[in-house]
Each structure stands twice: as structure tokens, then as C-alpha cells.
């Protein structure tokens, strides 16, 4: 093994990690926008229960937090109330 080979390996590992961080940020922002869009639609106040609106609010906050810290893995989502 040469130093040049090790530098290439480290650079590839760093690029992979940066790609993961970018992917998580985009994914978490998309999920947060979905929940915010649901809450801002008129449908959420007419047809749905307050528990379902609260669940969407919690999911929106969770994904906004996760998008601001993409190096941390997000917890699994609890099932929506029925």
C-alpha cells in the first residue's frame, strides 16, 4: 500500500459520506414539506381528527430537526392514528 492509494481511499470515503449527508438532507426536507403541506391544506381541518393533525405536526417538526442535523439518523416513524 502506498500513501497515494490510502489518500484515494480516504477521498472516496469522504465523498460517499458527503453524498449520504446531502441525500438525507433532501429526503428529510421533502418529508417535512409533505407534512406541512398536509397541515396547510383545508382537508386536514375538515375531514381528519385532531390526533391525525397532531401526528402530522410531530412528523413535520421531526423531519425539520432531522434535516438540520443530517449526520444523525432519524428515528422510525410511529404509525399514524386511525
Protein backbone atom coordinates (compact mmCIF):
# COMPACT_ATOMS: atom_id res chain seq x y z
CA UNK A 1 0.00 0.00 0.00
CA UNK A 2 1.23 3.40 -0.89
CA UNK A 3 0.34 6.74 0.57
CA UNK A 4 -1.28 7.73 -2.71
CA UNK A 5 -3.56 4.67 -2.57
CA UNK A 6 -4.59 5.47 1.01
CA UNK A 7 -5.31 9.09 0.08
CA UNK A 8 -7.60 7.90 -2.72
CA UNK A 9 -9.43 5.55 -0.34
CA UNK A 10 -9.92 8.35 2.19
CA UNK A 11 -11.14 10.75 -0.53
CA UNK A 12 -13.67 8.18 -1.78
CA UNK A 13 -14.92 7.54 1.74
CA UNK A 14 -15.34 11.28 2.34
CA UNK A 15 -17.19 11.73 -0.96
CA UNK A 16 -19.52 8.87 -0.06
CA UNK A 17 -20.23 10.40 3.35
CA UNK A 18 -20.94 13.82 1.84
CA UNK A 19 -23.30 12.18 -0.65
CA UNK A 20 -25.13 10.49 2.20
CA UNK A 21 -25.47 13.78 4.09
CA UNK A 22 -26.84 15.56 1.01
CA UNK A 23 -29.27 12.71 0.30
CA UNK A 24 -30.55 12.72 3.88
CA UNK A 25 -30.99 16.50 3.87
CA UNK A 26 -33.02 16.43 0.66
CA UNK A 27 -35.11 13.47 1.83
CA UNK A 28 -35.85 14.93 5.26
CA UNK A 29 -36.74 18.34 3.79
CA UNK A 30 -39.10 16.66 1.34
CA UNK A 31 -40.84 14.77 4.12
CA UNK A 32 -41.13 17.89 6.28
CA UNK A 33 -42.66 19.80 3.34
CA UNK A 34 -45.14 16.97 2.74
CA UNK A 35 -46.39 17.11 6.33
CA UNK A 36 -46.51 20.92 6.28
CA UNK A 37 -48.44 20.86 3.02
CA UNK A 38 -50.92 18.42 4.51
CA UNK A 39 -51.43 20.67 7.54
CA UNK A 40 -51.88 23.76 5.37
CA UNK A 41 -54.48 22.15 3.15
CA UNK A 42 -58.13 22.69 4.03
CA UNK A 43 -58.63 18.93 4.06
CA UNK A 44 -56.78 18.47 7.33
CA UNK A 45 -59.29 20.63 9.21
CA UNK A 46 -62.47 19.34 7.65
CA UNK A 47 -62.15 15.56 7.40
CA UNK A 48 -59.43 14.49 9.79
CA UNK A 49 -59.22 14.04 13.52
CA UNK A 50 -57.16 16.25 15.77
CA UNK A 51 -54.93 13.24 16.55
CA UNK A 52 -54.02 12.92 12.87
CA UNK A 53 -53.23 16.64 12.62
CA UNK A 54 -51.06 16.36 15.73
CA UNK A 55 -49.26 13.38 14.22
CA UNK A 56 -48.53 15.38 11.04
CA UNK A 57 -47.30 18.29 13.17
CA UNK A 58 -44.96 15.99 15.10
CA UNK A 59 -43.68 14.44 11.86
CA UNK A 60 -43.07 17.88 10.36
CA UNK A 61 -41.04 19.00 13.38
CA UNK A 62 -39.17 15.70 13.46
CA UNK A 63 -38.08 15.97 9.83
CA UNK A 64 -37.23 19.66 10.09
CA UNK A 65 -34.95 18.78 13.00
CA UNK A 66 -33.50 15.79 11.11
CA UNK A 67 -32.81 17.95 8.03
CA UNK A 68 -30.88 20.41 10.18
CA UNK A 69 -28.74 17.56 11.55
CA UNK A 70 -28.43 15.03 8.70
CA UNK A 71 -25.41 13.32 10.21
CA UNK A 72 -27.78 11.82 12.82
CA UNK A 73 -30.14 9.05 11.78
CA UNK A 74 -33.83 9.80 12.23
CA UNK A 75 -35.94 7.50 14.37
CA UNK A 76 -38.57 5.36 12.73
CA UNK A 77 -41.98 6.93 12.29
CA UNK A 78 -44.78 5.91 14.61
CA UNK A 79 -47.88 4.74 12.74
CA UNK A 80 -50.50 7.40 12.07
CA UNK A 81 -53.60 7.29 14.24
CA UNK A 82 -56.68 5.79 12.71
